[in-house]
């Protein structure tokens, strides 16, 4: 009798879990988040031995990208990429992107070009096989709590990206932000671009509000729009121009983010490309007002 009861309970648990997953939004949210994290850990564990044969190399980013790309299909998230042609240049550059949640990884792998590595917080390096995989992929780690060490990393990276023809991706907000506006930008990315005298490409990921919210414990399927803006030149700029450069780029990105928010979180494609105007002292100094250019749209299902 006890054995039969035990078997009955064992059968009841998966049925109850399936019902909760289907009808309880909070349980549904935690299951999806747990699966996301488990996927990342599992892929890092499986791919690290293969990456180790090559050693620490930016080419290993292709393995991480291939491991993350399937997640959009598993979660039913459709990616729309606008302006991908802007990144089709051979020279090194800096990418700055807004940062909302871990889901940004799915958007990141949609757009990052070859020989591109993110700058990440140093704590990530100590996260077991995930940190090991990131280190092998050439990801640059920065200690956010030690200003002098962070400045040194920026200076070293400025020398490296030209010598090795690298592209670097940075989240200038410095932390995750699911608010209705962008946080003030930290200046490290802009100091890096000015020191290396390479252009900046701003990228804006649309709000996730319609399908994801850690506050409301919501995680459904939906559409994510990624807008790649025209490059901002830094040729001839000096460190004293960095504050204005930072604010000019932030305002341009904030304007696009606000327009995406107004258009139902970017789910509906506008008939005309979004217009971007960078006015003020930054443009006068040649900071580079992104021009209104014809965009091509790439949809990834």
Protein backbone atom coordinates (compact mmCIF):
# COMPACT_ATOMS: atom_id res chain seq x y z
CA UNK A 1 0.00 0.00 0.00
CA UNK A 2 2.79 2.41 0.90
CA UNK A 3 4.55 1.63 -2.38
CA UNK A 4 1.40 2.34 -4.37
CA UNK A 5 0.91 5.61 -2.47
CA UNK A 6 4.52 6.60 -3.12
CA UNK A 7 4.16 5.89 -6.85
CA UNK A 8 0.95 7.91 -6.90
CA UNK A 9 2.69 10.90 -5.31
CA UNK A 10 5.58 10.62 -7.74
CA UNK A 11 3.11 10.76 -10.63
CA UNK A 12 1.21 13.61 -9.04
CA UNK A 13 4.24 15.92 -8.77
CA UNK A 14 4.89 16.29 -12.54
CA UNK A 15 1.17 16.72 -13.20
CA UNK A 16 0.97 19.42 -10.54
CA UNK A 17 4.10 21.09 -11.94
CA UNK A 18 2.62 21.11 -15.45
CA UNK A 19 -0.61 22.63 -14.19
CA UNK A 20 1.27 25.29 -12.22
CA UNK A 21 3.46 26.06 -15.24
CA UNK A 22 0.38 26.50 -17.40
CA UNK A 23 -1.88 28.44 -15.05
CA UNK A 24 0.37 30.16 -12.50
CA UNK A 25 2.28 33.12 -13.95
CA UNK A 26 4.78 33.32 -11.08
CA UNK A 27 5.68 29.63 -11.28
CA UNK A 28 5.88 29.98 -15.07
CA UNK A 29 8.30 32.92 -14.66
CA UNK A 30 10.63 31.11 -12.24
CA UNK A 31 10.70 27.97 -14.40
CA UNK A 32 11.73 29.97 -17.45
CA UNK A 33 14.36 31.97 -15.57
CA UNK A 34 15.77 28.76 -14.04
CA UNK A 35 15.91 27.11 -17.45
CA UNK A 36 17.68 30.17 -18.91
CA UNK A 37 20.38 30.04 -16.22
CA UNK A 38 20.73 26.25 -16.44
CA UNK A 39 21.12 26.49 -20.21
CA UNK A 40 23.92 29.04 -19.89
CA UNK A 41 25.76 26.94 -17.29
CA UNK A 42 25.31 23.72 -19.27
CA UNK A 43 26.48 25.25 -22.56
CA UNK A 44 29.49 26.86 -20.86
CA UNK A 45 30.42 23.52 -19.30
CA UNK A 46 30.08 21.64 -22.58
CA UNK A 47 31.87 24.19 -24.75
CA UNK A 48 34.76 25.13 -22.45
CA UNK A 49 36.87 22.03 -23.31
CA UNK A 50 36.55 22.81 -27.02
CA UNK A 51 37.43 26.47 -26.47
CA UNK A 52 40.41 25.47 -24.30
CA UNK A 53 42.10 23.83 -27.31
CA UNK A 54 42.37 27.28 -28.91
CA UNK A 55 43.20 29.03 -25.63
CA UNK A 56 41.99 32.52 -24.73
CA UNK A 57 40.81 33.94 -28.06
CA UNK A 58 38.10 36.25 -29.34
CA UNK A 59 37.31 33.54 -31.91
CA UNK A 60 35.77 31.49 -29.10
CA UNK A 61 32.95 34.05 -28.94
CA UNK A 62 31.49 32.22 -31.95
CA UNK A 63 30.94 29.18 -29.73
CA UNK A 64 29.16 31.20 -27.06
CA UNK A 65 27.03 32.92 -29.69
CA UNK A 66 26.01 29.58 -31.22
CA UNK A 67 25.07 28.28 -27.76
CA UNK A 68 22.81 31.24 -26.94
CA UNK A 69 21.10 31.70 -30.32
CA UNK A 70 18.65 28.76 -29.88
CA UNK A 71 17.14 30.32 -26.75
CA UNK A 72 14.96 32.72 -28.74
CA UNK A 73 13.24 29.74 -30.38
CA UNK A 74 12.76 27.95 -27.08
CA UNK A 75 11.17 31.04 -25.55
CA UNK A 76 9.16 32.10 -28.59
CA UNK A 77 10.87 35.49 -28.86
CA UNK A 78 11.05 37.03 -32.33
CA UNK A 79 14.01 39.31 -32.95
CA UNK A 80 13.73 42.30 -35.29
CA UNK A 81 17.05 43.99 -36.09
CA UNK A 82 17.09 47.42 -37.71
CA UNK A 83 20.23 49.03 -39.14
CA UNK A 84 22.51 45.98 -39.14
CA UNK A 85 24.28 47.39 -42.20
CA UNK A 86 25.89 50.05 -40.01
CA UNK A 87 28.20 47.47 -38.42
CA UNK A 88 29.54 46.26 -41.76
CA UNK A 89 32.86 48.06 -41.56
CA UNK A 90 36.30 46.51 -41.18
CA UNK A 91 37.76 48.95 -38.68
CA UNK A 92 37.59 48.50 -34.89
CA UNK A 93 34.87 50.27 -32.95
CA UNK A 94 33.02 50.48 -29.64
CA UNK A 95 29.39 49.39 -29.24
CA UNK A 96 27.29 50.86 -26.44
CA UNK A 97 23.96 49.26 -25.58
CA UNK A 98 21.23 49.71 -22.98
CA UNK A 99 21.05 46.99 -20.33
CA UNK A 100 17.71 45.67 -19.04
CA UNK A 101 18.07 42.04 -17.96
CA UNK A 102 19.86 38.76 -18.59
CA UNK A 103 17.70 38.47 -21.72
CA UNK A 104 20.03 41.06 -23.26
CA UNK A 105 22.29 38.10 -24.05
CA UNK A 106 19.78 36.97 -26.67
CA UNK A 107 19.78 40.41 -28.26
CA UNK A 108 23.55 40.70 -28.00
CA UNK A 109 24.25 37.52 -29.97
CA UNK A 110 21.86 38.70 -32.70
CA UNK A 111 23.97 41.73 -33.54
CA UNK A 112 27.57 41.33 -32.38
CA UNK A 113 29.96 41.12 -35.33
CA UNK A 114 33.03 38.94 -35.63
CA UNK A 115 35.96 39.77 -33.35
CA UNK A 116 33.71 41.50 -30.83
CA UNK A 117 34.01 41.00 -27.07
CA UNK A 118 32.01 42.52 -24.22
CA UNK A 119 33.48 44.26 -21.21
CA UNK A 120 31.97 42.60 -18.12
CA UNK A 121 32.15 42.97 -14.37
CA UNK A 122 35.04 41.08 -12.79
CA UNK A 123 32.69 39.05 -10.56
CA UNK A 124 31.57 37.10 -13.63
CA UNK A 125 35.02 35.57 -13.95
CA UNK A 126 34.51 33.64 -10.70
CA UNK A 127 31.20 32.03 -11.70
CA UNK A 128 32.54 28.53 -12.32
CA UNK A 129 32.43 27.21 -15.87
CA UNK A 130 30.54 30.30 -17.04
CA UNK A 131 33.44 32.53 -15.97
CA UNK A 132 35.94 30.09 -17.48
CA UNK A 133 34.06 30.12 -20.82
CA UNK A 134 33.90 33.93 -20.78
CA UNK A 135 37.64 34.19 -20.08
CA UNK A 136 38.44 31.76 -22.89
CA UNK A 137 36.28 33.85 -25.23
CA UNK A 138 38.42 36.94 -24.63
CA UNK A 139 35.83 38.84 -22.60
CA UNK A 140 37.46 41.80 -20.85
CA UNK A 141 36.85 41.98 -17.11
CA UNK A 142 36.75 45.21 -15.18
CA UNK A 143 36.68 45.88 -11.43
CA UNK A 144 33.91 48.41 -10.96
CA UNK A 145 34.91 49.07 -7.36
CA UNK A 146 38.52 50.07 -8.08
CA UNK A 147 38.61 53.19 -10.20
CA UNK A 148 42.36 53.14 -10.93
CA UNK A 149 42.25 49.48 -11.96
CA UNK A 150 39.28 50.19 -14.21
CA UNK A 151 41.07 53.12 -15.85
CA UNK A 152 44.09 50.89 -16.45
CA UNK A 153 41.90 48.25 -18.15
CA UNK A 154 40.38 50.93 -20.39
CA UNK A 155 43.84 52.19 -21.39
CA UNK A 156 45.09 48.68 -22.15
CA UNK A 157 41.97 47.91 -24.15
CA UNK A 158 42.36 51.14 -26.16
CA UNK A 159 45.79 49.95 -27.27
CA UNK A 160 44.60 46.41 -27.95
CA UNK A 161 41.53 47.08 -30.09
CA UNK A 162 43.55 48.87 -32.79
CA UNK A 163 46.44 46.44 -32.68
CA UNK A 164 44.19 43.36 -32.90
CA UNK A 165 41.28 44.93 -34.81
CA UNK A 166 38.77 44.21 -32.05
CA UNK A 167 35.26 45.49 -31.47
CA UNK A 168 34.20 46.03 -27.88
CA UNK A 169 30.65 46.01 -26.48
CA UNK A 170 29.87 47.90 -23.27
CA UNK A 171 26.68 48.54 -21.27
CA UNK A 172 27.29 52.17 -20.23
CA UNK A 173 24.45 52.21 -17.68
CA UNK A 174 26.64 49.92 -15.59
CA UNK A 175 23.77 47.85 -14.20
CA UNK A 176 20.44 46.34 -15.24
CA UNK A 177 17.63 48.80 -15.64
CA UNK A 178 14.00 47.97 -16.48
CA UNK A 179 12.80 51.51 -15.91
CA UNK A 180 11.06 53.75 -18.42
CA UNK A 181 14.19 55.80 -19.04
CA UNK A 182 17.90 55.09 -19.24
CA UNK A 183 20.19 55.58 -16.28
CA UNK A 184 23.04 58.11 -16.49
CA UNK A 185 25.89 56.67 -18.55
CA UNK A 186 29.29 55.89 -17.10
CA UNK A 187 32.07 57.36 -19.21
CA UNK A 188 34.42 54.39 -19.54
CA UNK A 189 33.15 53.36 -23.00
CA UNK A 190 33.55 56.89 -24.29
CA UNK A 191 37.04 57.32 -22.85
CA UNK A 192 37.91 54.04 -24.55
CA UNK A 193 36.61 55.20 -27.94
CA UNK A 194 38.36 58.58 -27.68
CA UNK A 195 41.68 57.08 -26.57
CA UNK A 196 41.60 54.57 -29.42
CA UNK A 197 40.15 57.14 -31.85
CA UNK A 198 37.54 54.65 -33.05
CA UNK A 199 33.84 55.25 -33.77
CA UNK A 200 30.97 54.42 -31.44
CA UNK A 201 27.88 52.51 -32.53
CA UNK A 202 24.89 53.00 -30.20
CA UNK A 203 22.45 50.06 -30.01
CA UNK A 204 19.01 50.28 -28.42
CA UNK A 205 17.05 47.19 -27.35
CA UNK A 206 13.32 47.80 -27.04
CA UNK A 207 11.61 47.45 -23.64
CA UNK A 208 10.63 43.94 -22.59
CA UNK A 209 7.54 45.09 -20.70
CA UNK A 210 5.03 43.26 -22.90
CA UNK A 211 6.56 39.84 -22.33
CA UNK A 212 9.09 40.03 -19.47
CA UNK A 213 9.18 41.69 -16.07
CA UNK A 214 11.17 40.54 -13.05
CA UNK A 215 9.07 42.83 -10.86
CA UNK A 216 5.72 41.42 -12.01
CA UNK A 217 7.12 37.89 -12.45
CA UNK A 218 6.02 37.75 -16.08
CA UNK A 219 7.79 35.80 -18.83
CA UNK A 220 5.85 35.04 -22.02
CA UNK A 221 6.62 35.04 -25.73
CA UNK A 222 6.92 38.30 -27.66
CA UNK A 223 8.89 40.48 -30.04
CA UNK A 224 12.15 42.27 -29.32
CA UNK A 225 13.31 45.07 -31.60
CA UNK A 226 16.99 46.01 -31.77
CA UNK A 227 17.92 49.31 -33.35
CA UNK A 228 21.55 49.88 -34.47
CA UNK A 229 22.17 53.60 -34.90
CA UNK A 230 24.67 55.17 -37.31
CA UNK A 231 28.20 55.58 -36.05
CA UNK A 232 29.38 58.47 -33.94
CA UNK A 233 32.88 59.58 -34.95
CA UNK A 234 35.50 60.35 -32.32
CA UNK A 235 38.36 61.36 -34.60
CA UNK A 236 40.06 64.46 -33.25
CA UNK A 237 38.29 64.36 -29.88
CA UNK A 238 40.20 64.53 -26.60
CA UNK A 239 39.38 63.50 -23.02
CA UNK A 240 37.86 66.91 -22.34
CA UNK A 241 35.19 66.17 -24.96
CA UNK A 242 34.11 62.92 -23.25
CA UNK A 243 31.36 64.43 -20.99
CA UNK A 244 29.59 66.03 -23.96
CA UNK A 245 30.12 62.94 -26.10
CA UNK A 246 28.61 60.76 -23.37
CA UNK A 247 25.53 62.93 -22.96
CA UNK A 248 25.03 63.32 -26.72
CA UNK A 249 25.02 59.56 -27.29
CA UNK A 250 22.86 58.91 -24.24
CA UNK A 251 20.26 61.43 -25.37
CA UNK A 252 20.16 59.93 -28.86
CA UNK A 253 19.63 56.45 -27.41
CA UNK A 254 17.07 57.69 -24.89
CA UNK A 255 15.05 59.32 -27.66
CA UNK A 256 14.94 56.09 -29.65
CA UNK A 257 14.09 54.08 -26.51
CA UNK A 258 11.22 56.47 -25.75
CA UNK A 259 9.88 56.13 -29.28
CA UNK A 260 10.10 52.34 -29.06
CA UNK A 261 8.21 52.49 -25.77
CA UNK A 262 5.48 54.60 -27.35
CA UNK A 263 5.15 52.11 -30.21
CA UNK A 264 3.89 49.30 -27.96
CA UNK A 265 7.37 48.27 -26.81
CA UNK A 266 8.67 47.99 -30.36
CA UNK A 267 6.30 45.20 -31.43
CA UNK A 268 4.91 47.10 -34.41
CA UNK A 269 7.29 48.19 -37.14
CA UNK A 270 7.04 51.83 -38.00
CA UNK A 271 6.48 52.63 -41.66
CA UNK A 272 9.28 55.15 -41.64
CA UNK A 273 12.70 54.74 -39.99
CA UNK A 274 13.08 56.37 -36.60
CA UNK A 275 14.65 59.80 -36.85
CA UNK A 276 17.66 60.54 -34.74
CA UNK A 277 18.92 64.05 -34.08
CA UNK A 278 22.03 64.71 -32.03
CA UNK A 279 22.19 68.43 -31.48
CA UNK A 280 24.31 70.64 -29.30
CA UNK A 281 27.97 71.04 -28.55
CA UNK A 282 28.78 67.43 -29.35
CA UNK A 283 27.79 67.90 -32.99
CA UNK A 284 29.66 71.20 -33.17
CA UNK A 285 32.83 69.46 -32.03
CA UNK A 286 32.43 66.78 -34.66
CA UNK A 287 31.16 64.25 -32.16
CA UNK A 288 29.10 63.06 -35.04
CA UNK A 289 25.38 63.51 -35.25
CA UNK A 290 24.09 60.20 -36.51
CA UNK A 291 22.61 60.90 -39.90
CA UNK A 292 19.09 59.90 -40.90
CA UNK A 293 19.87 56.99 -43.16
CA UNK A 294 17.79 54.36 -44.90
CA UNK A 295 17.63 51.25 -42.73
CA UNK A 296 17.30 47.63 -43.62
CA UNK A 297 15.35 45.43 -41.25
CA UNK A 298 16.29 41.85 -40.48
CA UNK A 299 13.78 39.68 -38.68
CA UNK A 300 15.02 36.55 -36.96
CA UNK A 301 12.39 34.00 -36.01
